[in-house]
């Protein structure tokens, strides 16, 4: 799982690495399918995003064939 930094003020984590690996997909391919820059997806993937648009999250879920809860999780810490 991606690390969650408690100093960021939230406990939301992102599982893009795991989902991409399970599907044999690269971040570049996901960026092309979603219509978002690799830089922005990388920021999200590394847990540094301050926000994500619902339309972007929907497109990520569509491209990966998953639900929002597969992409985002709430850390216990």
N, C-alpha and C. Protein backbone atom coordinates (compact mmCIF):
# COMPACT_ATOMS: atom_id res chain seq x y z
N UNK A 1 0.83 -1.18 0.00
CA UNK A 1 0.00 0.00 0.00
C UNK A 1 0.87 1.25 0.00
N UNK A 2 0.35 2.29 -0.61
CA UNK A 2 1.07 3.55 -0.65
C UNK A 2 1.09 4.16 0.75
N UNK A 3 2.21 4.77 1.13
CA UNK A 3 2.28 5.35 2.46
C UNK A 3 1.39 6.57 2.60
N UNK A 4 0.87 6.76 3.80
CA UNK A 4 0.06 7.93 4.11
C UNK A 4 0.84 8.77 5.10
N UNK A 5 1.02 10.04 4.79
CA UNK A 5 1.78 10.94 5.65
C UNK A 5 0.81 11.66 6.58
N UNK A 6 0.82 11.35 7.88
CA UNK A 6 -0.13 12.00 8.79
C UNK A 6 0.05 13.50 8.87
N UNK A 7 1.21 14.02 8.49
CA UNK A 7 1.43 15.46 8.51
C UNK A 7 0.67 16.18 7.40
N UNK A 8 0.15 15.43 6.44
CA UNK A 8 -0.62 16.04 5.36
C UNK A 8 -2.02 16.42 5.82
N UNK A 9 -2.45 15.96 7.00
CA UNK A 9 -3.75 16.33 7.52
C UNK A 9 -4.89 15.45 7.04
N UNK A 10 -4.58 14.33 6.45
CA UNK A 10 -5.62 13.40 6.03
C UNK A 10 -5.09 11.97 6.13
N UNK A 11 -6.00 11.03 6.02
CA UNK A 11 -5.61 9.62 6.08
C UNK A 11 -6.06 8.87 4.83
N UNK A 12 -6.18 9.56 3.72
CA UNK A 12 -6.59 8.94 2.47
C UNK A 12 -5.35 8.43 1.74
N UNK A 13 -5.38 7.17 1.36
CA UNK A 13 -4.30 6.58 0.59
C UNK A 13 -4.77 6.21 -0.80
N UNK A 14 -3.84 5.98 -1.70
CA UNK A 14 -4.13 5.69 -3.10
C UNK A 14 -3.45 4.37 -3.48
N UNK A 15 -4.19 3.52 -4.16
CA UNK A 15 -3.68 2.20 -4.54
C UNK A 15 -3.40 2.08 -6.05
N UNK A 16 -3.02 3.14 -6.70
CA UNK A 16 -2.81 3.07 -8.15
C UNK A 16 -1.69 2.09 -8.51
N UNK A 17 -0.60 2.06 -7.75
CA UNK A 17 0.49 1.14 -8.05
C UNK A 17 0.00 -0.30 -8.14
N UNK A 18 -0.74 -0.72 -7.12
CA UNK A 18 -1.23 -2.09 -7.07
C UNK A 18 -2.18 -2.38 -8.23
N UNK A 19 -3.10 -1.45 -8.50
CA UNK A 19 -4.07 -1.66 -9.57
C UNK A 19 -3.40 -1.73 -10.94
N UNK A 20 -2.42 -0.85 -11.17
CA UNK A 20 -1.71 -0.88 -12.44
C UNK A 20 -0.94 -2.19 -12.61
N UNK A 21 -0.29 -2.62 -11.54
CA UNK A 21 0.48 -3.87 -11.62
C UNK A 21 -0.44 -5.06 -11.88
N UNK A 22 -1.57 -5.12 -11.18
CA UNK A 22 -2.52 -6.22 -11.38
C UNK A 22 -3.03 -6.29 -12.82
N UNK A 23 -3.11 -5.13 -13.47
CA UNK A 23 -3.66 -5.09 -14.83
C UNK A 23 -2.58 -5.05 -15.91
N UNK A 24 -1.33 -5.06 -15.49
CA UNK A 24 -0.24 -5.00 -16.45
C UNK A 24 -0.24 -3.72 -17.26
N UNK A 25 -0.62 -2.63 -16.62
CA UNK A 25 -0.76 -1.34 -17.28
C UNK A 25 0.29 -0.37 -16.74
N UNK A 26 0.79 0.48 -17.59
CA UNK A 26 1.74 1.51 -17.15
C UNK A 26 0.99 2.79 -16.81
N UNK A 27 1.66 3.66 -16.08
CA UNK A 27 1.08 4.96 -15.75
C UNK A 27 0.86 5.78 -17.02
N UNK A 28 1.75 5.63 -17.98
CA UNK A 28 1.61 6.32 -19.26
C UNK A 28 0.34 5.88 -19.98
N UNK A 29 0.09 4.57 -20.00
CA UNK A 29 -1.11 4.05 -20.65
C UNK A 29 -2.37 4.55 -19.94
N UNK A 30 -2.35 4.54 -18.61
CA UNK A 30 -3.50 5.04 -17.86
C UNK A 30 -3.72 6.52 -18.14
N UNK A 31 -2.65 7.30 -18.18
CA UNK A 31 -2.77 8.73 -18.47
C UNK A 31 -3.41 8.95 -19.84
N UNK A 32 -3.00 8.17 -20.83
CA UNK A 32 -3.59 8.28 -22.17
C UNK A 32 -5.08 7.94 -22.15
N UNK A 33 -5.44 6.88 -21.44
CA UNK A 33 -6.84 6.45 -21.39
C UNK A 33 -7.72 7.43 -20.63
N UNK A 34 -7.16 8.06 -19.60
CA UNK A 34 -7.93 8.95 -18.74
C UNK A 34 -7.94 10.38 -19.28
N UNK A 35 -6.90 10.76 -20.02
CA UNK A 35 -6.82 12.12 -20.54
C UNK A 35 -6.25 13.09 -19.51
N UNK A 36 -5.36 12.58 -18.67
CA UNK A 36 -4.70 13.38 -17.63
C UNK A 36 -3.20 13.25 -17.85
N UNK A 37 -2.45 14.27 -17.49
CA UNK A 37 -1.00 14.19 -17.68
C UNK A 37 -0.39 13.14 -16.76
N UNK A 38 0.73 12.60 -17.18
CA UNK A 38 1.46 11.64 -16.36
C UNK A 38 1.88 12.29 -15.04
N UNK A 39 2.26 13.55 -15.11
CA UNK A 39 2.68 14.27 -13.90
C UNK A 39 1.54 14.31 -12.89
N UNK A 40 0.34 14.65 -13.32
CA UNK A 40 -0.79 14.72 -12.39
C UNK A 40 -1.14 13.34 -11.84
N UNK A 41 -1.10 12.31 -12.67
CA UNK A 41 -1.36 10.96 -12.17
C UNK A 41 -0.28 10.52 -11.20
N UNK A 42 0.96 10.89 -11.47
CA UNK A 42 2.06 10.55 -10.58
C UNK A 42 1.88 11.21 -9.22
N UNK A 43 1.45 12.45 -9.20
CA UNK A 43 1.18 13.15 -7.94
C UNK A 43 0.10 12.41 -7.15
N UNK A 44 -0.95 11.99 -7.84
CA UNK A 44 -2.02 11.23 -7.19
C UNK A 44 -1.50 9.89 -6.70
N UNK A 45 -0.78 9.19 -7.56
CA UNK A 45 -0.26 7.85 -7.24
C UNK A 45 0.65 7.87 -6.02
N UNK A 46 1.43 8.93 -5.89
CA UNK A 46 2.38 9.03 -4.78
C UNK A 46 1.78 9.65 -3.52
N UNK A 47 0.47 9.89 -3.54
CA UNK A 47 -0.21 10.38 -2.35
C UNK A 47 0.04 11.84 -2.05
N UNK A 48 0.48 12.60 -3.04
CA UNK A 48 0.77 14.02 -2.82
C UNK A 48 -0.33 14.95 -3.32
N UNK A 49 -1.38 14.40 -3.91
CA UNK A 49 -2.47 15.23 -4.43
C UNK A 49 -3.29 15.80 -3.27
N UNK A 50 -3.66 17.05 -3.40
CA UNK A 50 -4.50 17.71 -2.39
C UNK A 50 -5.98 17.48 -2.69
N UNK A 51 -6.29 17.17 -3.96
CA UNK A 51 -7.66 16.96 -4.38
C UNK A 51 -7.66 16.16 -5.68
N UNK A 52 -8.80 15.57 -5.99
CA UNK A 52 -8.98 14.90 -7.27
C UNK A 52 -10.41 15.17 -7.73
N UNK A 53 -10.56 15.49 -8.99
CA UNK A 53 -11.90 15.75 -9.54
C UNK A 53 -12.66 14.43 -9.63
N UNK A 54 -13.95 14.51 -9.37
CA UNK A 54 -14.78 13.31 -9.51
C UNK A 54 -14.73 12.78 -10.93
N UNK A 55 -14.66 13.66 -11.92
CA UNK A 55 -14.60 13.21 -13.31
C UNK A 55 -13.31 12.45 -13.59
N UNK A 56 -12.21 12.88 -12.98
CA UNK A 56 -10.93 12.17 -13.13
C UNK A 56 -10.99 10.83 -12.43
N UNK A 57 -11.53 10.80 -11.23
CA UNK A 57 -11.66 9.55 -10.50
C UNK A 57 -12.57 8.57 -11.24
N UNK A 58 -13.64 9.06 -11.81
CA UNK A 58 -14.53 8.22 -12.60
C UNK A 58 -13.80 7.64 -13.80
N UNK A 59 -13.03 8.48 -14.50
CA UNK A 59 -12.28 8.02 -15.68
C UNK A 59 -11.22 6.99 -15.28
N UNK A 60 -10.57 7.17 -14.15
CA UNK A 60 -9.59 6.19 -13.66
C UNK A 60 -10.28 4.86 -13.39
N UNK A 61 -11.41 4.91 -12.70
CA UNK A 61 -12.15 3.68 -12.41
C UNK A 61 -12.62 3.00 -13.69
N UNK A 62 -13.08 3.76 -14.66
CA UNK A 62 -13.51 3.18 -15.94
C UNK A 62 -12.34 2.52 -16.64
N UNK A 63 -11.20 3.19 -16.67
CA UNK A 63 -10.02 2.66 -17.37
C UNK A 63 -9.47 1.41 -16.69
N UNK A 64 -9.57 1.36 -15.36
CA UNK A 64 -9.03 0.22 -14.62
C UNK A 64 -10.08 -0.86 -14.33
N UNK A 65 -11.34 -0.57 -14.65
CA UNK A 65 -12.40 -1.54 -14.40
C UNK A 65 -12.57 -1.81 -12.92
N UNK A 66 -12.62 -0.74 -12.12
CA UNK A 66 -12.71 -0.90 -10.67
C UNK A 66 -13.65 0.13 -10.09
N UNK A 67 -13.80 0.08 -8.77
CA UNK A 67 -14.62 1.04 -8.04
C UNK A 67 -13.73 2.05 -7.31
N UNK A 68 -14.32 3.14 -6.87
CA UNK A 68 -13.58 4.17 -6.15
C UNK A 68 -12.85 3.58 -4.94
N UNK A 69 -13.51 2.67 -4.22
CA UNK A 69 -12.93 2.06 -3.05
C UNK A 69 -11.71 1.18 -3.37
N UNK A 70 -11.55 0.80 -4.62
CA UNK A 70 -10.36 0.07 -5.02
C UNK A 70 -9.18 1.01 -5.21
N UNK A 71 -9.45 2.26 -5.55
CA UNK A 71 -8.41 3.25 -5.81
C UNK A 71 -8.01 3.98 -4.52
N UNK A 72 -9.00 4.38 -3.74
CA UNK A 72 -8.76 5.14 -2.52
C UNK A 72 -9.10 4.30 -1.29
N UNK A 73 -8.39 4.54 -0.19
CA UNK A 73 -8.70 3.86 1.06
C UNK A 73 -8.44 4.81 2.22
N UNK A 74 -9.07 4.52 3.33
CA UNK A 74 -8.89 5.29 4.55
C UNK A 74 -7.95 4.53 5.47
N UNK A 75 -6.83 5.15 5.79
CA UNK A 75 -5.82 4.53 6.65
C UNK A 75 -6.28 4.55 8.10
N UNK A 76 -5.89 3.54 8.84
CA UNK A 76 -6.24 3.45 10.26
C UNK A 76 -5.39 4.38 11.11
N UNK A 77 -4.20 4.73 10.62
CA UNK A 77 -3.25 5.52 11.40
C UNK A 77 -3.69 6.87 11.64
